[in-house]
C-alpha atoms as a PDB file:
ATOM      1  CA  MET A   1      26.634  45.744 -68.716  1.00  0.00           C
ATOM      2  CA  LYS A   2      26.625  43.378 -65.683  1.00  0.00           C
ATOM      3  CA  CYS A   3      27.045  46.342 -63.331  1.00  0.00           C
ATOM      4  CA  ILE A   4      24.083  48.125 -64.914  1.00  0.00           C
ATOM      5  CA  VAL A   5      21.864  45.019 -64.552  1.00  0.00           C
ATOM      6  CA  SER A   6      22.905  44.526 -60.893  1.00  0.00           C
ATOM      7  CA  LEU A   7      22.223  48.163 -60.079  1.00  0.00           C
ATOM      8  CA  ALA A   8      18.789  47.940 -61.692  1.00  0.00           C
ATOM      9  CA  LEU A   9      17.883  44.767 -59.742  1.00  0.00           C
ATOM     10  CA  SER A  10      19.062  46.334 -56.471  1.00  0.00           C
ATOM     11  CA  SER A  11      16.961  49.429 -57.109  1.00  0.00           C
ATOM     12  CA  LEU A  12      13.882  47.329 -57.855  1.00  0.00           C
ATOM     13  CA  PHE A  13      14.446  45.313 -54.608  1.00  0.00           C
ATOM     14  CA  CYS A  14      14.788  48.480 -52.494  1.00  0.00           C
ATOM     15  CA  LEU A  15      11.630  49.956 -54.047  1.00  0.00           C
ATOM     16  CA  HIS A  16       9.787  46.673 -53.292  1.00  0.00           C
ATOM     17  CA  VAL A  17      10.905  46.677 -49.642  1.00  0.00           C
ATOM     18  CA  MET A  18      10.109  50.351 -49.128  1.00  0.00           C
ATOM     19  CA  ALA A  19       6.663  49.769 -50.586  1.00  0.00           C
ATOM     20  CA  GLN A  20       5.928  47.336 -47.700  1.00  0.00           C
ATOM     21  CA  ASN A  21       7.041  49.739 -44.944  1.00  0.00           C
ATOM     22  CA  LYS A  22       5.443  53.021 -43.943  1.00  0.00           C
ATOM     23  CA  LEU A  23       5.693  55.754 -41.316  1.00  0.00           C
ATOM     24  CA  GLU A  24       2.324  57.444 -40.944  1.00  0.00           C
ATOM     25  CA  PRO A  25       1.915  61.153 -40.146  1.00  0.00           C
ATOM     26  CA  THR A  26       0.139  59.983 -36.945  1.00  0.00           C
ATOM     27  CA  GLY A  27       3.374  58.416 -35.769  1.00  0.00           C
ATOM     28  CA  ASN A  28       2.304  54.815 -36.474  1.00  0.00           C
ATOM     29  CA  ALA A  29       5.048  52.761 -38.104  1.00  0.00           C
ATOM     30  CA  GLY A  30       4.475  49.712 -40.268  1.00  0.00           C
ATOM     31  CA  ILE A  31       6.967  47.023 -41.218  1.00  0.00           C
ATOM     32  CA  GLY A  32       5.546  44.742 -43.861  1.00  0.00           C
ATOM     33  CA  THR A  33       2.386  46.827 -43.958  1.00  0.00           C
ATOM     34  CA  THR A  34       1.455  50.221 -45.361  1.00  0.00           C
ATOM     35  CA  ALA A  35      -1.524  50.700 -43.016  1.00  0.00           C
ATOM     36  CA  PRO A  36      -0.235  50.307 -39.441  1.00  0.00           C
ATOM     37  CA  VAL A  37      -2.937  50.609 -36.770  1.00  0.00           C
ATOM     38  CA  GLU A  38      -0.532  50.710 -33.789  1.00  0.00           C
ATOM     39  CA  LYS A  39       2.579  52.732 -32.978  1.00  0.00           C
ATOM     40  CA  LEU A  40       4.550  49.778 -34.386  1.00  0.00           C
ATOM     41  CA  GLU A  41       2.987  46.991 -36.429  1.00  0.00           C
ATOM     42  CA  ILE A  42       4.956  44.146 -38.000  1.00  0.00           C
ATOM     43  CA  SER A  43       3.146  42.146 -40.640  1.00  0.00           C
ATOM     44  CA  SER A  44       4.505  38.992 -42.240  1.00  0.00           C
ATOM     45  CA  PRO A  45       3.107  35.852 -43.902  1.00  0.00           C
ATOM     46  CA  GLY A  46       5.366  33.936 -41.518  1.00  0.00           C
ATOM     47  CA  LEU A  47       6.608  34.799 -38.020  1.00  0.00           C
ATOM     48  CA  SER A  48       6.707  38.448 -37.006  1.00  0.00           C
ATOM     49  CA  ASN A  49       9.770  38.763 -34.794  1.00  0.00           C
ATOM     50  CA  ILE A  50      11.552  41.500 -32.917  1.00  0.00           C
ATOM     51  CA  GLN A  51      15.144  40.563 -32.133  1.00  0.00           C
ATOM     52  CA  LEU A  52      17.340  42.301 -29.558  1.00  0.00           C
ATOM     53  CA  THR A  53      20.938  41.209 -30.028  1.00  0.00           C
ATOM     54  CA  HIS A  54      23.664  41.549 -27.401  1.00  0.00           C
ATOM     55  CA  THR A  55      27.007  41.527 -29.168  1.00  0.00           C
ATOM     56  CA  SER A  56      28.988  40.357 -26.104  1.00  0.00           C
ATOM     57  CA  ASP A  57      28.989  36.726 -24.937  1.00  0.00           C
ATOM     58  CA  VAL A  58      28.910  37.279 -21.145  1.00  0.00           C
ATOM     59  CA  LEU A  59      26.836  36.219 -18.132  1.00  0.00           C
ATOM     60  CA  ALA A  60      24.638  39.289 -17.958  1.00  0.00           C
ATOM     61  CA  PRO A  61      21.295  40.704 -19.047  1.00  0.00           C
ATOM     62  CA  VAL A  62      20.790  40.177 -22.780  1.00  0.00           C
ATOM     63  CA  GLY A  63      18.089  42.720 -23.415  1.00  0.00           C
ATOM     64  CA  ALA A  64      14.776  44.028 -22.207  1.00  0.00           C
ATOM     65  CA  ILE A  65      11.553  45.589 -23.357  1.00  0.00           C
ATOM     66  CA  LYS A  66      10.745  48.471 -21.014  1.00  0.00           C
ATOM     67  CA  PHE A  67       7.509  50.356 -20.508  1.00  0.00           C
ATOM     68  CA  ASN A  68       7.688  53.997 -19.443  1.00  0.00           C
ATOM     69  CA  MET A  69       5.039  56.418 -18.240  1.00  0.00           C
ATOM     70  CA  ALA A  70       5.813  60.130 -17.995  1.00  0.00           C
ATOM     71  CA  GLY A  71       9.491  59.440 -17.415  1.00  0.00           C
ATOM     72  CA  THR A  72       8.964  56.552 -14.957  1.00  0.00           C
ATOM     73  CA  GLU A  73       9.592  52.915 -15.814  1.00  0.00           C
ATOM     74  CA  VAL A  74       6.426  50.965 -14.959  1.00  0.00           C
ATOM     75  CA  GLY A  75       7.143  47.534 -16.466  1.00  0.00           C
ATOM     76  CA  ARG A  76       9.871  45.394 -17.954  1.00  0.00           C
ATOM     77  CA  LEU A  77      10.284  42.073 -19.780  1.00  0.00           C
ATOM     78  CA  GLU A  78      13.939  41.056 -19.515  1.00  0.00           C
ATOM     79  CA  VAL A  79      16.119  38.113 -20.524  1.00  0.00           C
ATOM     80  CA  GLU A  80      19.321  37.355 -18.632  1.00  0.00           C
ATOM     81  CA  ARG A  81      21.976  34.767 -19.357  1.00  0.00           C
ATOM     82  CA  THR A  82      22.615  32.878 -16.102  1.00  0.00           C
ATOM     83  CA  VAL A  83      24.439  29.682 -17.158  1.00  0.00           C
ATOM     84  CA  ALA A  84      27.453  29.669 -19.463  1.00  0.00           C
ATOM     85  CA  THR A  85      26.740  26.231 -20.977  1.00  0.00           C
ATOM     86  CA  ALA A  86      24.639  26.557 -24.147  1.00  0.00           C
ATOM     87  CA  ARG A  87      23.937  30.202 -23.189  1.00  0.00           C
ATOM     88  CA  GLN A  88      21.095  29.214 -20.840  1.00  0.00           C
ATOM     89  CA  SER A  89      18.926  32.061 -19.623  1.00  0.00           C
ATOM     90  CA  VAL A  90      15.979  33.172 -17.516  1.00  0.00           C
ATOM     91  CA  MET A  91      13.105  35.478 -18.415  1.00  0.00           C
ATOM     92  CA  LYS A  92      12.037  38.041 -15.820  1.00  0.00           C
ATOM     93  CA  PHE A  93       8.757  39.962 -15.613  1.00  0.00           C
ATOM     94  CA  SER A  94       8.907  43.131 -13.498  1.00  0.00           C
ATOM     95  CA  VAL A  95       6.349  45.780 -12.531  1.00  0.00           C
ATOM     96  CA  LYS A  96       6.509  49.109 -10.702  1.00  0.00           C
ATOM     97  CA  GLY A  97       5.941  48.860  -6.962  1.00  0.00           C
ATOM     98  CA  PRO A  98       5.313  51.640  -4.453  1.00  0.00           C
ATOM     99  CA  SER A  99       8.985  52.648  -4.408  1.00  0.00           C
ATOM    100  CA  SER A 100      10.838  50.679  -7.073  1.00  0.00           C
ATOM    101  CA  MET A 101      10.604  48.000  -9.725  1.00  0.00           C
ATOM    102  CA  ILE A 102       9.532  44.572  -8.388  1.00  0.00           C
ATOM    103  CA  GLU A 103      10.270  41.265 -10.088  1.00  0.00           C
ATOM    104  CA  ALA A 104       6.850  39.592 -10.155  1.00  0.00           C
ATOM    105  CA  MET A 105       7.658  36.388 -12.043  1.00  0.00           C
ATOM    106  CA  ARG A 106      10.668  34.506 -13.363  1.00  0.00           C
ATOM    107  CA  MET A 107      10.919  31.620 -15.866  1.00  0.00           C
ATOM    108  CA  TYR A 108      14.054  29.500 -15.497  1.00  0.00           C
ATOM    109  CA  ASN A 109      16.032  27.574 -18.098  1.00  0.00           C
ATOM    110  CA  ASN A 110      14.735  24.251 -16.651  1.00  0.00           C
ATOM    111  CA  GLY A 111      11.115  25.270 -17.186  1.00  0.00           C
ATOM    112  CA  TYR A 112      10.534  26.183 -13.522  1.00  0.00           C
ATOM    113  CA  ILE A 113       8.411  29.271 -12.828  1.00  0.00           C
ATOM    114  CA  GLY A 114       8.733  31.432  -9.738  1.00  0.00           C
ATOM    115  CA  ILE A 115       6.081  33.951  -8.693  1.00  0.00           C
ATOM    116  CA  GLY A 116       7.582  36.229  -6.077  1.00  0.00           C
ATOM    117  CA  GLU A 117      10.492  33.793  -5.926  1.00  0.00           C
ATOM    118  CA  THR A 118      13.803  34.217  -7.773  1.00  0.00           C
ATOM    119  CA  ALA A 119      15.020  30.651  -7.176  1.00  0.00           C
ATOM    120  CA  PRO A 120      12.067  28.313  -7.856  1.00  0.00           C
ATOM    121  CA  ASP A 121      12.691  24.661  -6.996  1.00  0.00           C
ATOM    122  CA  ALA A 122       9.537  23.232  -8.626  1.00  0.00           C
ATOM    123  CA  ARG A 123       7.540  23.626 -11.820  1.00  0.00           C
ATOM    124  CA  LEU A 124       5.662  26.372  -9.979  1.00  0.00           C
ATOM    125  CA  THR A 125       6.928  28.073  -6.820  1.00  0.00           C
ATOM    126  CA  VAL A 126       4.856  30.869  -5.285  1.00  0.00           C
ATOM    127  CA  SER A 127       6.125  33.088  -2.461  1.00  0.00           C
ATOM    128  CA  GLY A 128       4.073  35.640  -0.568  1.00  0.00           C
ATOM    129  CA  ASP A 129       4.515  38.050   2.310  1.00  0.00           C
ATOM    130  CA  PRO A 130       3.347  36.983   5.808  1.00  0.00           C
ATOM    131  CA  GLY A 131      -0.390  37.393   6.261  1.00  0.00           C
ATOM    132  CA  THR A 132      -1.147  37.499   2.525  1.00  0.00           C
ATOM    133  CA  LEU A 133      -2.884  34.943   0.320  1.00  0.00           C
ATOM    134  CA  ILE A 134      -0.494  32.785  -1.681  1.00  0.00           C
ATOM    135  CA  ALA A 135      -3.071  31.708  -4.269  1.00  0.00           C
ATOM    136  CA  LYS A 136      -6.809  32.122  -4.755  1.00  0.00           C
ATOM    137  CA  PHE A 137      -9.174  30.448  -7.213  1.00  0.00           C
ATOM    138  CA  ILE A 138     -12.611  31.938  -7.927  1.00  0.00           C
ATOM    139  CA  GLN A 139     -15.421  31.691 -10.474  1.00  0.00           C
ATOM    140  CA  ASN A 140     -16.383  34.716 -12.523  1.00  0.00           C
ATOM    141  CA  ASN A 141     -20.150  34.433 -11.909  1.00  0.00           C
ATOM    142  CA  VAL A 142     -19.902  33.986  -8.115  1.00  0.00           C
ATOM    143  CA  PRO A 143     -18.773  36.798  -5.760  1.00  0.00           C
ATOM    144  CA  THR A 144     -15.334  36.066  -4.330  1.00  0.00           C
ATOM    145  CA  THR A 145     -16.679  36.784  -0.830  1.00  0.00           C
ATOM    146  CA  ASP A 146     -19.194  33.927  -1.243  1.00  0.00           C
ATOM    147  CA  ALA A 147     -17.009  31.220  -2.759  1.00  0.00           C
ATOM    148  CA  SER A 148     -13.315  30.641  -3.303  1.00  0.00           C
ATOM    149  CA  LEU A 149     -10.457  28.179  -2.875  1.00  0.00           C
ATOM    150  CA  SER A 150      -7.501  29.760  -1.102  1.00  0.00           C
ATOM    151  CA  VAL A 151      -3.961  28.692  -0.290  1.00  0.00           C
ATOM    152  CA  LYS A 152      -2.400  30.722   2.489  1.00  0.00           C
ATOM    153  CA  ASN A 153      -0.354  30.756   5.672  1.00  0.00           C
ATOM    154  CA  ALA A 154      -2.613  30.000   8.643  1.00  0.00           C
ATOM    155  CA  THR A 155      -0.587  32.370  10.830  1.00  0.00           C
ATOM    156  CA  SER A 156       0.873  35.828  10.334  1.00  0.00           C
ATOM    157  CA  SER A 157       3.632  35.319  12.925  1.00  0.00           C
ATOM    158  CA  PRO A 158       7.072  36.202  11.499  1.00  0.00           C
ATOM    159  CA  GLY A 159       9.214  33.220  10.563  1.00  0.00           C
ATOM    160  CA  VAL A 160       6.318  30.733  10.931  1.00  0.00           C
ATOM    161  CA  PHE A 161       4.510  28.959   8.086  1.00  0.00           C
ATOM    162  CA  ILE A 162       1.452  26.708   8.478  1.00  0.00           C
ATOM    163  CA  PRO A 163       0.090  25.661   5.048  1.00  0.00           C
ATOM    164  CA  ASN A 164      -3.649  26.255   4.936  1.00  0.00           C
ATOM    165  CA  LEU A 165      -6.152  25.231   2.249  1.00  0.00           C
ATOM    166  CA  THR A 166      -9.523  26.953   2.657  1.00  0.00           C
ATOM    167  CA  GLY A 167     -12.593  26.192   0.572  1.00  0.00           C
ATOM    168  CA  ARG A 168     -15.686  28.413   0.768  1.00  0.00           C
ATOM    169  CA  THR A 169     -18.777  27.160  -1.067  1.00  0.00           C
ATOM    170  CA  SER A 170     -21.689  29.129  -2.495  1.00  0.00           C
ATOM    171  CA  MET A 171     -24.673  26.772  -2.707  1.00  0.00           C
ATOM    172  CA  PRO A 172     -27.826  28.101  -0.998  1.00  0.00           C
ATOM    173  CA  GLY A 173     -29.551  25.519   1.141  1.00  0.00           C
ATOM    174  CA  ARG A 174     -26.623  23.087   1.095  1.00  0.00           C
ATOM    175  CA  SER A 175     -23.926  22.887   3.751  1.00  0.00           C
ATOM    176  CA  PHE A 176     -20.892  22.209   1.587  1.00  0.00           C
ATOM    177  CA  GLY A 177     -17.482  23.648   2.441  1.00  0.00           C
ATOM    178  CA  LEU A 178     -14.551  21.866   0.822  1.00  0.00           C
ATOM    179  CA  TYR A 179     -15.344  18.846  -1.360  1.00  0.00           C
ATOM    180  CA  ILE A 180     -12.549  16.304  -1.857  1.00  0.00           C
ATOM    181  CA  THR A 181     -12.909  13.455  -4.350  1.00  0.00           C
ATOM    182  CA  GLY A 182     -10.540  10.564  -4.911  1.00  0.00           C
ATOM    183  CA  GLU A 183     -11.126   8.460  -8.022  1.00  0.00           C
ATOM    184  CA  ALA A 184      -9.664   4.943  -8.160  1.00  0.00           C
ATOM    185  CA  GLU A 185     -10.159   1.581  -9.802  1.00  0.00           C
ATOM    186  CA  ASP A 186     -12.821  -0.379  -7.931  1.00  0.00           C
ATOM    187  CA  VAL A 187     -10.707  -3.467  -7.338  1.00  0.00           C
ATOM    188  CA  LEU A 188      -9.826  -5.395  -4.190  1.00  0.00           C
ATOM    189  CA  PRO A 189      -6.608  -3.965  -2.718  1.00  0.00           C
ATOM    190  CA  ALA A 190      -3.642  -6.293  -2.669  1.00  0.00           C
ATOM    191  CA  SER A 191      -1.549  -6.929   0.428  1.00  0.00           C
ATOM    192  CA  ASP A 192      -0.881  -3.193   0.756  1.00  0.00           C
ATOM    193  CA  ALA A 193      -3.403  -2.149   3.406  1.00  0.00           C
ATOM    194  CA  SER A 194      -2.586   1.548   2.968  1.00  0.00           C
ATOM    195  CA  VAL A 195      -4.317   1.736  -0.431  1.00  0.00           C
ATOM    196  CA  ALA A 196      -7.563   3.727  -0.590  1.00  0.00           C
ATOM    197  CA  ALA A 197      -9.394   6.123  -2.889  1.00  0.00           C
ATOM    198  CA  VAL A 198      -8.678   8.995  -0.481  1.00  0.00           C
ATOM    199  CA  ILE A 199      -5.524   8.842   1.672  1.00  0.00           C
ATOM    200  CA  VAL A 200      -4.540  11.141   4.537  1.00  0.00           C
ATOM    201  CA  ASP A 201      -0.905  10.368   5.340  1.00  0.00           C
ATOM    202  CA  GLY A 202       0.786  12.044   8.309  1.00  0.00           C
ATOM    203  CA  ARG A 203       4.531  11.504   8.665  1.00  0.00           C
ATOM    204  CA  THR A 204       7.720  13.139   9.928  1.00  0.00           C
ATOM    205  CA  LYS A 205       9.732  15.636   7.852  1.00  0.00           C
ATOM    206  CA  THR A 206      12.085  12.763   6.995  1.00  0.00           C
ATOM    207  CA  SER A 207       9.143  10.682   5.669  1.00  0.00           C
ATOM    208  CA  THR A 208       9.158   8.237   8.567  1.00  0.00           C
ATOM    209  CA  ARG A 209       6.175   7.069  10.597  1.00  0.00           C
ATOM    210  CA  LEU A 210       4.849   9.235  13.413  1.00  0.00           C
ATOM    211  CA  THR A 211       4.945   7.582  16.817  1.00  0.00           C
ATOM    212  CA  THR A 212       4.448  10.466  19.258  1.00  0.00           C
ATOM    213  CA  ASN A 213       2.687  13.254  17.369  1.00  0.00           C
ATOM    214  CA  ASN A 214      -0.928  13.064  16.203  1.00  0.00           C
ATOM    215  CA  VAL A 215      -1.638  11.943  12.628  1.00  0.00           C
ATOM    216  CA  LEU A 216      -5.034  13.592  12.167  1.00  0.00           C
ATOM    217  CA  ALA A 217      -7.208  16.007  14.141  1.00  0.00           C
ATOM    218  CA  VAL A 218     -10.784  16.984  13.279  1.00  0.00           C
ATOM    219  CA  ASN A 219     -11.592  20.393  14.729  1.00  0.00           C
ATOM    220  CA  SER A 220     -14.415  22.907  14.573  1.00  0.00           C
ATOM    221  CA  ALA A 221     -13.294  26.530  15.042  1.00  0.00           C
ATOM    222  CA  GLY A 222     -10.248  25.270  16.934  1.00  0.00           C
ATOM    223  CA  VAL A 223     -12.214  22.909  19.211  1.00  0.00           C
ATOM    224  CA  ASN A 224     -11.051  19.295  18.827  1.00  0.00           C
ATOM    225  CA  LEU A 225     -13.736  16.731  17.960  1.00  0.00           C
ATOM    226  CA  MET A 226     -11.653  13.693  17.032  1.00  0.00           C
ATOM    227  CA  GLN A 227      -7.989  12.769  17.044  1.00  0.00           C
ATOM    228  CA  VAL A 228      -5.969   9.941  15.497  1.00  0.00           C
ATOM    229  CA  LYS A 229      -2.656   9.414  17.253  1.00  0.00           C
ATOM    230  CA  GLY A 230       0.618   8.060  15.924  1.00  0.00           C
ATOM    231  CA  ASP A 231       0.128   4.772  17.790  1.00  0.00           C
ATOM    232  CA  GLY A 232      -3.125   4.150  15.912  1.00  0.00           C
ATOM    233  CA  SER A 233      -5.446   5.014  18.796  1.00  0.00           C
ATOM    234  CA  VAL A 234      -8.514   7.193  18.178  1.00  0.00           C
ATOM    235  CA  GLY A 235     -10.075   9.654  20.595  1.00  0.00           C
ATOM    236  CA  ILE A 236     -13.607  10.969  20.029  1.00  0.00           C
ATOM    237  CA  GLY A 237     -14.455  13.906  22.251  1.00  0.00           C
ATOM    238  CA  THR A 238     -11.158  13.406  24.070  1.00  0.00           C
ATOM    239  CA  THR A 239      -7.450  13.719  23.314  1.00  0.00           C
ATOM    240  CA  ASP A 240      -6.422  11.223  26.024  1.00  0.00           C
ATOM    241  CA  THR A 241      -7.066   7.635  24.931  1.00  0.00           C
ATOM    242  CA  LYS A 242      -5.496   6.283  28.152  1.00  0.00           C
ATOM    243  CA  GLY A 243      -3.677   3.563  26.236  1.00  0.00           C
ATOM    244  CA  TYR A 244      -6.787   2.186  24.497  1.00  0.00           C
ATOM    245  CA  LYS A 245      -7.251   1.932  20.726  1.00  0.00           C
ATOM    246  CA  LEU A 246     -10.598   3.774  20.968  1.00  0.00           C
ATOM    247  CA  ALA A 247     -11.642   6.285  23.602  1.00  0.00           C
ATOM    248  CA  VAL A 248     -15.055   7.968  23.463  1.00  0.00           C
ATOM    249  CA  ASN A 249     -16.052  10.798  25.774  1.00  0.00           C
ATOM    250  CA  GLY A 250     -19.815  10.569  25.467  1.00  0.00           C
ATOM    251  CA  SER A 251     -22.535   8.104  24.569  1.00  0.00           C
ATOM    252  CA  GLY A 252     -22.666   5.737  21.612  1.00  0.00           C
ATOM    253  CA  VAL A 253     -25.233   3.628  19.829  1.00  0.00           C
ATOM    254  CA  PHE A 254     -24.616   0.355  17.975  1.00  0.00           C
ATOM    255  CA  THR A 255     -26.840  -2.057  16.113  1.00  0.00           C
ATOM    256  CA  ARG A 256     -24.409  -4.871  16.858  1.00  0.00           C
ATOM    257  CA  VAL A 257     -21.159  -5.347  18.764  1.00  0.00           C
ATOM    258  CA  VAL A 258     -18.978  -8.441  18.361  1.00  0.00           C
ATOM    259  CA  VAL A 259     -16.077  -9.088  20.754  1.00  0.00           C
ATOM    260  CA  LYS A 260     -13.649 -11.787  19.651  1.00  0.00           C
ATOM    261  CA  ALA A 261     -10.405 -13.436  20.759  1.00  0.00           C
ATOM    262  CA  TYR A 262     -11.467 -14.335  24.313  1.00  0.00           C
ATOM    263  CA  ASN A 263      -9.953 -17.478  25.821  1.00  0.00           C
ATOM    264  CA  ASN A 264     -11.397 -19.635  28.610  1.00  0.00           C
ATOM    265  CA  TRP A 265     -15.010 -19.038  27.666  1.00  0.00           C
ATOM    266  CA  PRO A 266     -16.791 -20.301  30.809  1.00  0.00           C
ATOM    267  CA  ASP A 267     -18.253 -23.528  29.396  1.00  0.00           C
ATOM    268  CA  PHE A 268     -15.726 -25.214  31.707  1.00  0.00           C
ATOM    269  CA  VAL A 269     -18.223 -24.550  34.531  1.00  0.00           C
ATOM    270  CA  PHE A 270     -20.206 -27.561  33.336  1.00  0.00           C
ATOM    271  CA  GLU A 271     -17.238 -29.925  33.466  1.00  0.00           C
ATOM    272  CA  ARG A 272     -17.515 -32.676  36.107  1.00  0.00           C
ATOM    273  CA  ASP A 273     -14.307 -31.663  37.846  1.00  0.00           C
ATOM    274  CA  TYR A 274     -15.315 -27.989  38.242  1.00  0.00           C
ATOM    275  CA  GLN A 275     -15.193 -26.943  41.893  1.00  0.00           C
ATOM    276  CA  LEU A 276     -18.420 -25.008  42.457  1.00  0.00           C
ATOM    277  CA  PRO A 277     -18.237 -22.826  45.560  1.00  0.00           C
ATOM    278  CA  THR A 278     -20.812 -23.664  48.188  1.00  0.00           C
ATOM    279  CA  LEU A 279     -23.596 -21.216  48.927  1.00  0.00           C
ATOM    280  CA  GLY A 280     -22.099 -20.756  52.364  1.00  0.00           C
ATOM    281  CA  GLU A 281     -18.793 -19.708  50.814  1.00  0.00           C
ATOM    282  CA  MET A 282     -20.600 -17.337  48.481  1.00  0.00           C
ATOM    283  CA  GLU A 283     -22.515 -15.787  51.380  1.00  0.00           C
ATOM    284  CA  ALA A 284     -19.333 -15.228  53.355  1.00  0.00           C
ATOM    285  CA  TYR A 285     -17.562 -13.604  50.354  1.00  0.00           C
ATOM    286  CA  VAL A 286     -20.472 -11.293  49.547  1.00  0.00           C
ATOM    287  CA  ARG A 287     -20.843 -10.163  53.165  1.00  0.00           C
ATOM    288  CA  THR A 288     -17.122  -9.329  53.313  1.00  0.00           C
ATOM    289  CA  HIS A 289     -16.461  -7.776  49.867  1.00  0.00           C
ATOM    290  CA  LYS A 290     -19.928  -6.481  48.931  1.00  0.00           C
ATOM    291  CA  HIS A 291     -19.667  -7.873  45.367  1.00  0.00           C
ATOM    292  CA  LEU A 292     -19.514 -11.249  43.632  1.00  0.00           C
ATOM    293  CA  PRO A 293     -16.191 -13.052  43.205  1.00  0.00           C
ATOM    294  CA  GLU A 294     -14.294 -12.129  39.968  1.00  0.00           C
ATOM    295  CA  ILE A 295     -16.669  -9.174  39.409  1.00  0.00           C
ATOM    296  CA  PRO A 296     -15.019  -5.718  39.803  1.00  0.00           C
ATOM    297  CA  SER A 297     -16.178  -3.511  42.644  1.00  0.00           C
ATOM    298  CA  ALA A 298     -17.826  -0.130  42.148  1.00  0.00           C
ATOM    299  CA  SER A 299     -14.576   1.680  43.029  1.00  0.00           C
ATOM    300  CA  GLU A 300     -12.601  -0.373  40.471  1.00  0.00           C
ATOM    301  CA  VAL A 301     -15.125   0.437  37.733  1.00  0.00           C
ATOM    302  CA  ALA A 302     -14.978   4.133  38.625  1.00  0.00           C
ATOM    303  CA  GLU A 303     -11.186   4.113  38.429  1.00  0.00           C
ATOM    304  CA  LYS A 304     -10.435   1.785  35.515  1.00  0.00           C
ATOM    305  CA  GLY A 305     -13.663   1.567  33.552  1.00  0.00           C
ATOM    306  CA  LEU A 306     -15.402  -1.583  32.385  1.00  0.00           C
ATOM    307  CA  ASP A 307     -14.114  -4.221  29.963  1.00  0.00           C
ATOM    308  CA  LEU A 308     -17.294  -5.306  28.184  1.00  0.00           C
ATOM    309  CA  GLY A 309     -15.817  -8.508  26.813  1.00  0.00           C
ATOM    310  CA  GLU A 310     -14.346  -9.546  30.178  1.00  0.00           C
ATOM    311  CA  MET A 311     -17.523  -8.537  32.016  1.00  0.00           C
ATOM    312  CA  ASN A 312     -19.737 -10.581  29.686  1.00  0.00           C
ATOM    313  CA  GLN A 313     -17.440 -13.545  30.217  1.00  0.00           C
ATOM    314  CA  GLN A 314     -17.633 -13.264  34.010  1.00  0.00           C
ATOM    315  CA  LEU A 315     -21.393 -12.629  33.999  1.00  0.00           C
ATOM    316  CA  LEU A 316     -21.910 -15.747  31.877  1.00  0.00           C
ATOM    317  CA  LYS A 317     -19.789 -17.702  34.336  1.00  0.00           C
ATOM    318  CA  LYS A 318     -21.987 -16.530  37.207  1.00  0.00           C
ATOM    319  CA  VAL A 319     -25.137 -17.400  35.267  1.00  0.00           C
ATOM    320  CA  GLU A 320     -23.789 -20.902  34.585  1.00  0.00           C
ATOM    321  CA  GLU A 321     -22.842 -21.304  38.268  1.00  0.00           C
ATOM    322  CA  GLN A 322     -26.351 -20.200  39.233  1.00  0.00           C
ATOM    323  CA  MET A 323     -27.716 -22.832  36.869  1.00  0.00           C
ATOM    324  CA  LEU A 324     -25.665 -25.475  38.690  1.00  0.00           C
ATOM    325  CA  TYR A 325     -27.022 -24.209  42.021  1.00  0.00           C
ATOM    326  CA  MET A 326     -30.565 -24.400  40.654  1.00  0.00           C
ATOM    327  CA  ILE A 327     -30.017 -27.913  39.319  1.00  0.00           C
ATOM    328  CA  GLU A 328     -28.663 -29.013  42.702  1.00  0.00           C
ATOM    329  CA  MET A 329     -31.502 -27.298  44.554  1.00  0.00           C
ATOM    330  CA  ASN A 330     -34.027 -28.916  42.200  1.00  0.00           C
ATOM    331  CA  LYS A 331     -32.560 -32.330  43.050  1.00  0.00           C
ATOM    332  CA  GLN A 332     -32.882 -31.567  46.730  1.00  0.00           C
ATOM    333  CA  ILE A 333     -36.469 -30.329  46.322  1.00  0.00           C
ATOM    334  CA  THR A 334     -37.372 -33.480  44.339  1.00  0.00           C
ATOM    335  CA  ALA A 335     -35.838 -35.704  47.031  1.00  0.00           C
ATOM    336  CA  LEU A 336     -37.683 -33.814  49.778  1.00  0.00           C
ATOM    337  CA  SER A 337     -40.940 -34.127  47.858  1.00  0.00           C
ATOM    338  CA  GLN A 338     -40.493 -37.870  47.626  1.00  0.00           C
ATOM    339  CA  GLU A 339     -39.781 -38.072  51.364  1.00  0.00           C
ATOM    340  CA  VAL A 340     -42.913 -36.027  52.110  1.00  0.00           C
ATOM    341  CA  GLN A 341     -45.039 -38.321  49.957  1.00  0.00           C
ATOM    342  CA  GLU A 342     -43.667 -41.382  51.697  1.00  0.00           C
ATOM    343  CA  LEU A 343     -44.335 -39.834  55.134  1.00  0.00           C
ATOM    344  CA  LYS A 344     -47.901 -39.028  54.089  1.00  0.00           C
ATOM    345  CA  LYS A 345     -48.448 -42.636  53.078  1.00  0.00           C
ATOM    346  CA  LYS A 346     -47.114 -43.895  56.383  1.00  0.00           C
ATOM    347  CA  ILE A 347     -49.300 -41.481  58.340  1.00  0.00           C
ATOM    348  CA  ALA A 348     -52.345 -42.554  56.325  1.00  0.00           C
ATOM    349  CA  GLN A 349     -51.653 -46.221  57.029  1.00  0.00           C
END
């Protein structure tokens, strides 16, 4: 009796399962559905899974889903066990190239993704052939020729890689190119002077400070406009700062210039013990040297330039010396006037 009941239950179960599966005359097959709309449709109230099981426990490909067209494989999704511990694996996505299958993307067991790279060393590693774009970002309602953000190699020379980020903007009437925004808390920076909302940090390949190479160059179509050197000097319109912190090849306009940290400001000229050169000594010096004492000659200015702070200091000294000459001459004129008045009185008497 038990055998009869078991056989009846098994028959009912098989009929129930077969009722959920169907092979259509069109070739469509349904698992869990009697009305498949694709060549293979799996329907389930839970997960609908396809499992490919490799019966051997080896370091090798586990299984793949292949796509074939007229006898030629055109695509493949493959899983391969690469690490023995815990049966770790990678997933490979391949497509048909001009001559053979090409692995286009790989997902590693550590979550790293490689596009054109079989050994990614970051969350996303992208590798491209020389002269090709590595990545390009566009907007679907703007032509890609008008606007895009591209990552590429700035040179096509073999074995050379210069990372290049190019932004092309589409905004009629506005001269935008690449817009960079740095958002930060609006608080007073602490003792760390390198903090800023936008930071451009040039350093060596070992993350040390540059001392010889340039830190930043601003160019236009390859023509240099400004350069910041490793020693902190800045050249505008020139790449040779000649040892100065700021070198400008061209004119400049300022609303105010303040020069600080100058010692011996020439107020000492008015001290009682200051030795004022006589006018005779000044005349002899000027006739010989063709310029005032302590003032650079025309040839020195042409060769070395002009120190504005030093020049203002020396000019002020000369002005103060001239004031002393004028005061002395005024005393002499006053004394002569008094003598003239006294002579007039004597003549009148």
